Amino acid sequence: MLTSYIVDTLDDSNVSDGLVSLREAITAANTNASFVDAAAGSADPNDIDTIAFAPSLAGQVISLGEM
């Protein structure tokens, strides 16, 4: 079963704060393992994990730095 992530913070963080950052969602989807606040992605090669953004982030910019 595919995993759907909802990014709900602008922060580029790897801290357990109850919010899913874009970095956390990408890492979990790519590794098929949970990462901080993001659930494990699907390991089924026929499933395509999806990443969406909370409506509260509309019109805002998420900047990813190096980690």
PDB file of N, CA and C in Angstrom:
ATOM      1  N   MET A   1       0.844  -1.182   0.000  1.00  0.00           N
ATOM      2  CA  MET A   1       0.000   0.000   0.000  1.00  0.00           C
ATOM      3  C   MET A   1       0.888   1.244   0.000  1.00  0.00           C
ATOM      4  N   LEU A   2       0.559   2.178  -0.856  1.00  0.00           N
ATOM      5  CA  LEU A   2       1.364   3.387  -0.960  1.00  0.00           C
ATOM      6  C   LEU A   2       1.246   4.242   0.301  1.00  0.00           C
ATOM      7  N   THR A   3       2.223   5.062   0.512  1.00  0.00           N
ATOM      8  CA  THR A   3       2.223   5.981   1.639  1.00  0.00           C
ATOM      9  C   THR A   3       2.032   7.393   1.114  1.00  0.00           C
ATOM     10  N   SER A   4       1.128   8.129   1.742  1.00  0.00           N
ATOM     11  CA  SER A   4       0.901   9.532   1.392  1.00  0.00           C
ATOM     12  C   SER A   4       1.410  10.395   2.532  1.00  0.00           C
ATOM     13  N   TYR A   5       2.293  11.308   2.206  1.00  0.00           N
ATOM     14  CA  TYR A   5       2.851  12.218   3.201  1.00  0.00           C
ATOM     15  C   TYR A   5       2.227  13.591   3.029  1.00  0.00           C
ATOM     16  N   ILE A   6       1.924  14.239   4.132  1.00  0.00           N
ATOM     17  CA  ILE A   6       1.458  15.626   4.107  1.00  0.00           C
ATOM     18  C   ILE A   6       2.519  16.459   4.824  1.00  0.00           C
ATOM     19  N   VAL A   7       3.231  17.265   4.070  1.00  0.00           N
ATOM     20  CA  VAL A   7       4.229  18.172   4.648  1.00  0.00           C
ATOM     21  C   VAL A   7       3.465  19.318   5.298  1.00  0.00           C
ATOM     22  N   ASP A   8       3.728  19.539   6.587  1.00  0.00           N
ATOM     23  CA  ASP A   8       2.965  20.560   7.304  1.00  0.00           C
ATOM     24  C   ASP A   8       3.836  21.552   8.068  1.00  0.00           C
ATOM     25  N   THR A   9       5.084  21.676   7.641  1.00  0.00           N
ATOM     26  CA  THR A   9       5.976  22.676   8.226  1.00  0.00           C
ATOM     27  C   THR A   9       6.920  23.216   7.153  1.00  0.00           C
ATOM     28  N   LEU A  10       7.297  24.460   7.295  1.00  0.00           N
ATOM     29  CA  LEU A  10       8.280  25.059   6.385  1.00  0.00           C
ATOM     30  C   LEU A  10       9.697  24.758   6.827  1.00  0.00           C
ATOM     31  N   ASP A  11       9.855  24.309   8.063  1.00  0.00           N
ATOM     32  CA  ASP A  11      11.185  24.062   8.615  1.00  0.00           C
ATOM     33  C   ASP A  11      11.873  22.901   7.918  1.00  0.00           C
ATOM     34  N   ASP A  12      13.142  23.035   7.696  1.00  0.00           N
ATOM     35  CA  ASP A  12      13.976  21.968   7.164  1.00  0.00           C
ATOM     36  C   ASP A  12      14.640  21.315   8.365  1.00  0.00           C
ATOM     37  N   SER A  13      13.885  20.425   9.017  1.00  0.00           N
ATOM     38  CA  SER A  13      14.393  19.882  10.278  1.00  0.00           C
ATOM     39  C   SER A  13      14.301  18.371  10.310  1.00  0.00           C
ATOM     40  N   ASN A  14      15.088  17.817  11.185  1.00  0.00           N
ATOM     41  CA  ASN A  14      15.085  16.385  11.476  1.00  0.00           C
ATOM     42  C   ASN A  14      14.870  16.196  12.969  1.00  0.00           C
ATOM     43  N   VAL A  15      13.851  16.832  13.517  1.00  0.00           N
ATOM     44  CA  VAL A  15      13.560  16.711  14.943  1.00  0.00           C
ATOM     45  C   VAL A  15      12.144  16.185  15.115  1.00  0.00           C
ATOM     46  N   SER A  16      11.947  15.396  16.146  1.00  0.00           N
ATOM     47  CA  SER A  16      10.626  14.858  16.440  1.00  0.00           C
ATOM     48  C   SER A  16       9.787  15.947  17.094  1.00  0.00           C
ATOM     49  N   ASP A  17       8.946  16.600  16.273  1.00  0.00           N
ATOM     50  CA  ASP A  17       8.118  17.698  16.774  1.00  0.00           C
ATOM     51  C   ASP A  17       6.655  17.523  16.408  1.00  0.00           C
ATOM     52  N   GLY A  18       6.312  16.342  15.846  1.00  0.00           N
ATOM     53  CA  GLY A  18       4.942  16.076  15.458  1.00  0.00           C
ATOM     54  C   GLY A  18       4.575  16.636  14.095  1.00  0.00           C
ATOM     55  N   LEU A  19       5.519  17.282  13.425  1.00  0.00           N
ATOM     56  CA  LEU A  19       5.296  17.859  12.093  1.00  0.00           C
ATOM     57  C   LEU A  19       6.160  17.122  11.080  1.00  0.00           C
ATOM     58  N   VAL A  20       5.673  16.997   9.867  1.00  0.00           N
ATOM     59  CA  VAL A  20       6.431  16.322   8.817  1.00  0.00           C
ATOM     60  C   VAL A  20       7.042  17.369   7.894  1.00  0.00           C
ATOM     61  N   SER A  21       8.371  17.411   7.869  1.00  0.00           N
ATOM     62  CA  SER A  21       9.075  18.342   6.979  1.00  0.00           C
ATOM     63  C   SER A  21       9.239  17.686   5.610  1.00  0.00           C
ATOM     64  N   LEU A  22       9.526  18.489   4.604  1.00  0.00           N
ATOM     65  CA  LEU A  22       9.758  17.956   3.263  1.00  0.00           C
ATOM     66  C   LEU A  22      10.928  16.991   3.277  1.00  0.00           C
ATOM     67  N   ARG A  23      11.987  17.320   3.992  1.00  0.00           N
ATOM     68  CA  ARG A  23      13.155  16.436   4.082  1.00  0.00           C
ATOM     69  C   ARG A  23      12.777  15.087   4.697  1.00  0.00           C
ATOM     70  N   GLU A  24      11.971  15.117   5.759  1.00  0.00           N
ATOM     71  CA  GLU A  24      11.547  13.867   6.407  1.00  0.00           C
ATOM     72  C   GLU A  24      10.722  13.019   5.441  1.00  0.00           C
ATOM     73  N   ALA A  25       9.798  13.644   4.720  1.00  0.00           N
ATOM     74  CA  ALA A  25       8.944  12.912   3.785  1.00  0.00           C
ATOM     75  C   ALA A  25       9.762  12.299   2.651  1.00  0.00           C
ATOM     76  N   ILE A  26      10.665  13.060   2.079  1.00  0.00           N
ATOM     77  CA  ILE A  26      11.498  12.550   0.986  1.00  0.00           C
ATOM     78  C   ILE A  26      12.359  11.391   1.465  1.00  0.00           C
ATOM     79  N   THR A  27      12.980  11.544   2.621  1.00  0.00           N
ATOM     80  CA  THR A  27      13.859  10.489   3.145  1.00  0.00           C
ATOM     81  C   THR A  27      13.081   9.208   3.425  1.00  0.00           C
ATOM     82  N   ALA A  28      11.913   9.336   4.063  1.00  0.00           N
ATOM     83  CA  ALA A  28      11.103   8.149   4.370  1.00  0.00           C
ATOM     84  C   ALA A  28      10.621   7.470   3.091  1.00  0.00           C
ATOM     85  N   ALA A  29      10.179   8.254   2.122  1.00  0.00           N
ATOM     86  CA  ALA A  29       9.702   7.675   0.864  1.00  0.00           C
ATOM     87  C   ALA A  29      10.828   6.976   0.100  1.00  0.00           C
ATOM     88  N   ASN A  30      12.003   7.568   0.084  1.00  0.00           N
ATOM     89  CA  ASN A  30      13.125   6.990  -0.666  1.00  0.00           C
ATOM     90  C   ASN A  30      13.740   5.777   0.003  1.00  0.00           C
ATOM     91  N   THR A  31      13.711   5.725   1.336  1.00  0.00           N
ATOM     92  CA  THR A  31      14.344   4.616   2.051  1.00  0.00           C
ATOM     93  C   THR A  31      13.366   3.529   2.464  1.00  0.00           C
ATOM     94  N   ASN A  32      12.060   3.800   2.345  1.00  0.00           N
ATOM     95  CA  ASN A  32      11.022   2.863   2.790  1.00  0.00           C
ATOM     96  C   ASN A  32      11.159   2.530   4.273  1.00  0.00           C
ATOM     97  N   ALA A  33      11.676   3.478   5.034  1.00  0.00           N
ATOM     98  CA  ALA A  33      11.820   3.330   6.480  1.00  0.00           C
ATOM     99  C   ALA A  33      11.317   4.613   7.132  1.00  0.00           C
ATOM    100  N   SER A  34      10.773   4.471   8.333  1.00  0.00           N
ATOM    101  CA  SER A  34      10.314   5.686   9.010  1.00  0.00           C
ATOM    102  C   SER A  34      11.507   6.596   9.265  1.00  0.00           C
ATOM    103  N   PHE A  35      11.251   7.890   9.231  1.00  0.00           N
ATOM    104  CA  PHE A  35      12.311   8.874   9.459  1.00  0.00           C
ATOM    105  C   PHE A  35      11.733  10.018  10.258  1.00  0.00           C
ATOM    106  N   VAL A  36      12.142  10.142  11.503  1.00  0.00           N
ATOM    107  CA  VAL A  36      11.682  11.139  12.460  1.00  0.00           C
ATOM    108  C   VAL A  36      10.151  11.083  12.525  1.00  0.00           C
ATOM    109  N   ASP A  37       9.421  12.084  12.007  1.00  0.00           N
ATOM    110  CA  ASP A  37       7.959  12.110  12.106  1.00  0.00           C
ATOM    111  C   ASP A  37       7.248  11.545  10.879  1.00  0.00           C
ATOM    112  N   ALA A  38       7.979  11.047   9.901  1.00  0.00           N
ATOM    113  CA  ALA A  38       7.375  10.499   8.684  1.00  0.00           C
ATOM    114  C   ALA A  38       7.365   8.972   8.743  1.00  0.00           C
ATOM    115  N   ALA A  39       6.227   8.392   8.392  1.00  0.00           N
ATOM    116  CA  ALA A  39       6.078   6.936   8.396  1.00  0.00           C
ATOM    117  C   ALA A  39       6.917   6.310   7.291  1.00  0.00           C
ATOM    118  N   ALA A  40       7.145   5.016   7.402  1.00  0.00           N
ATOM    119  CA  ALA A  40       7.899   4.293   6.374  1.00  0.00           C
ATOM    120  C   ALA A  40       7.166   4.340   5.046  1.00  0.00           C
ATOM    121  N   GLY A  41       7.904   4.474   3.977  1.00  0.00           N
ATOM    122  CA  GLY A  41       7.325   4.419   2.640  1.00  0.00           C
ATOM    123  C   GLY A  41       7.014   2.981   2.269  1.00  0.00           C
ATOM    124  N   SER A  42       6.299   2.803   1.194  1.00  0.00           N
ATOM    125  CA  SER A  42       5.944   1.468   0.732  1.00  0.00           C
ATOM    126  C   SER A  42       7.141   0.815   0.042  1.00  0.00           C
ATOM    127  N   ALA A  43       7.392  -0.435   0.398  1.00  0.00           N
ATOM    128  CA  ALA A  43       8.485  -1.175  -0.225  1.00  0.00           C
ATOM    129  C   ALA A  43       8.026  -1.879  -1.506  1.00  0.00           C
ATOM    130  N   ASP A  44       6.733  -1.883  -1.768  1.00  0.00           N
ATOM    131  CA  ASP A  44       6.193  -2.527  -2.967  1.00  0.00           C
ATOM    132  C   ASP A  44       6.587  -1.693  -4.192  1.00  0.00           C
ATOM    133  N   PRO A  45       7.324  -2.269  -5.133  1.00  0.00           N
ATOM    134  CA  PRO A  45       7.772  -1.496  -6.298  1.00  0.00           C
ATOM    135  C   PRO A  45       6.621  -1.014  -7.186  1.00  0.00           C
ATOM    136  N   ASN A  46       5.425  -1.574  -7.008  1.00  0.00           N
ATOM    137  CA  ASN A  46       4.262  -1.145  -7.785  1.00  0.00           C
ATOM    138  C   ASN A  46       3.552   0.047  -7.155  1.00  0.00           C
ATOM    139  N   ASP A  47       3.901   0.373  -5.919  1.00  0.00           N
ATOM    140  CA  ASP A  47       3.299   1.510  -5.222  1.00  0.00           C
ATOM    141  C   ASP A  47       4.155   2.754  -5.431  1.00  0.00           C
ATOM    142  N   ILE A  48       3.517   3.872  -5.576  1.00  0.00           N
ATOM    143  CA  ILE A  48       4.221   5.142  -5.698  1.00  0.00           C
ATOM    144  C   ILE A  48       3.815   6.009  -4.515  1.00  0.00           C
ATOM    145  N   ASP A  49       4.757   6.251  -3.610  1.00  0.00           N
ATOM    146  CA  ASP A  49       4.485   7.124  -2.466  1.00  0.00           C
ATOM    147  C   ASP A  49       4.236   8.538  -2.984  1.00  0.00           C
ATOM    148  N   THR A  50       3.384   9.274  -2.286  1.00  0.00           N
ATOM    149  CA  THR A  50       3.089  10.646  -2.703  1.00  0.00           C
ATOM    150  C   THR A  50       3.406  11.625  -1.582  1.00  0.00           C
ATOM    151  N   ILE A  51       3.805  12.811  -1.975  1.00  0.00           N
ATOM    152  CA  ILE A  51       4.071  13.890  -1.021  1.00  0.00           C
ATOM    153  C   ILE A  51       3.202  15.071  -1.427  1.00  0.00           C
ATOM    154  N   ALA A  52       2.397  15.548  -0.487  1.00  0.00           N
ATOM    155  CA  ALA A  52       1.536  16.708  -0.719  1.00  0.00           C
ATOM    156  C   ALA A  52       1.833  17.732   0.379  1.00  0.00           C
ATOM    157  N   PHE A  53       1.234  18.887   0.247  1.00  0.00           N
ATOM    158  CA  PHE A  53       1.504  19.979   1.183  1.00  0.00           C
ATOM    159  C   PHE A  53       0.210  20.437   1.841  1.00  0.00           C
ATOM    160  N   ALA A  54       0.302  20.708   3.135  1.00  0.00           N
ATOM    161  CA  ALA A  54      -0.854  21.192   3.882  1.00  0.00           C
ATOM    162  C   ALA A  54      -1.322  22.520   3.292  1.00  0.00           C
ATOM    163  N   PRO A  55      -2.630  22.758   3.250  1.00  0.00           N
ATOM    164  CA  PRO A  55      -3.144  24.021   2.712  1.00  0.00           C
ATOM    165  C   PRO A  55      -2.557  25.247   3.401  1.00  0.00           C
ATOM    166  N   SER A  56      -2.176  25.114   4.657  1.00  0.00           N
ATOM    167  CA  SER A  56      -1.615  26.250   5.400  1.00  0.00           C
ATOM    168  C   SER A  56      -0.271  26.710   4.837  1.00  0.00           C
ATOM    169  N   LEU A  57       0.364  25.884   3.990  1.00  0.00           N
ATOM    170  CA  LEU A  57       1.655  26.240   3.399  1.00  0.00           C
ATOM    171  C   LEU A  57       1.523  26.878   2.013  1.00  0.00           C
ATOM    172  N   ALA A  58       0.300  27.019   1.532  1.00  0.00           N
ATOM    173  CA  ALA A  58       0.079  27.563   0.186  1.00  0.00           C
ATOM    174  C   ALA A  58       0.735  28.931   0.024  1.00  0.00           C
ATOM    175  N   GLY A  59       1.455  29.094  -1.088  1.00  0.00           N
ATOM    176  CA  GLY A  59       2.094  30.363  -1.404  1.00  0.00           C
ATOM    177  C   GLY A  59       3.373  30.639  -0.649  1.00  0.00           C
ATOM    178  N   GLN A  60       3.821  29.669   0.146  1.00  0.00           N
ATOM    179  CA  GLN A  60       5.053  29.856   0.916  1.00  0.00           C
ATOM    180  C   GLN A  60       6.188  29.060   0.289  1.00  0.00           C
ATOM    181  N   VAL A  61       7.405  29.364   0.698  1.00  0.00           N
ATOM    182  CA  VAL A  61       8.587  28.724   0.119  1.00  0.00           C
ATOM    183  C   VAL A  61       9.242  27.820   1.164  1.00  0.00           C
ATOM    184  N   ILE A  62       9.580  26.619   0.746  1.00  0.00           N
ATOM    185  CA  ILE A  62      10.345  25.698   1.592  1.00  0.00           C
ATOM    186  C   ILE A  62      11.756  25.662   1.028  1.00  0.00           C
ATOM    187  N   SER A  63      12.731  26.025   1.834  1.00  0.00           N
ATOM    188  CA  SER A  63      14.132  26.001   1.418  1.00  0.00           C
ATOM    189  C   SER A  63      14.839  24.858   2.123  1.00  0.00           C
ATOM    190  N   LEU A  64      15.483  24.009   1.344  1.00  0.00           N
ATOM    191  CA  LEU A  64      16.249  22.901   1.913  1.00  0.00           C
ATOM    192  C   LEU A  64      17.723  23.276   1.905  1.00  0.00           C
ATOM    193  N   GLY A  65      18.336  23.111   3.055  1.00  0.00           N
ATOM    194  CA  GLY A  65      19.767  23.356   3.171  1.00  0.00           C
ATOM    195  C   GLY A  65      20.514  22.032   3.121  1.00  0.00           C
ATOM    196  N   GLU A  66      21.809  22.092   3.319  1.00  0.00           N
ATOM    197  CA  GLU A  66      22.600  20.862   3.375  1.00  0.00           C
ATOM    198  C   GLU A  66      22.559  20.312   4.784  1.00  0.00           C
ATOM    199  N   MET A  67      22.492  18.996   4.881  1.00  0.00           N
ATOM    200  CA  MET A  67      22.487  18.355   6.197  1.00  0.00           C
ATOM    201  C   MET A  67      23.527  17.288   6.218  1.00  0.00           C
TER     202      MET A  67
END
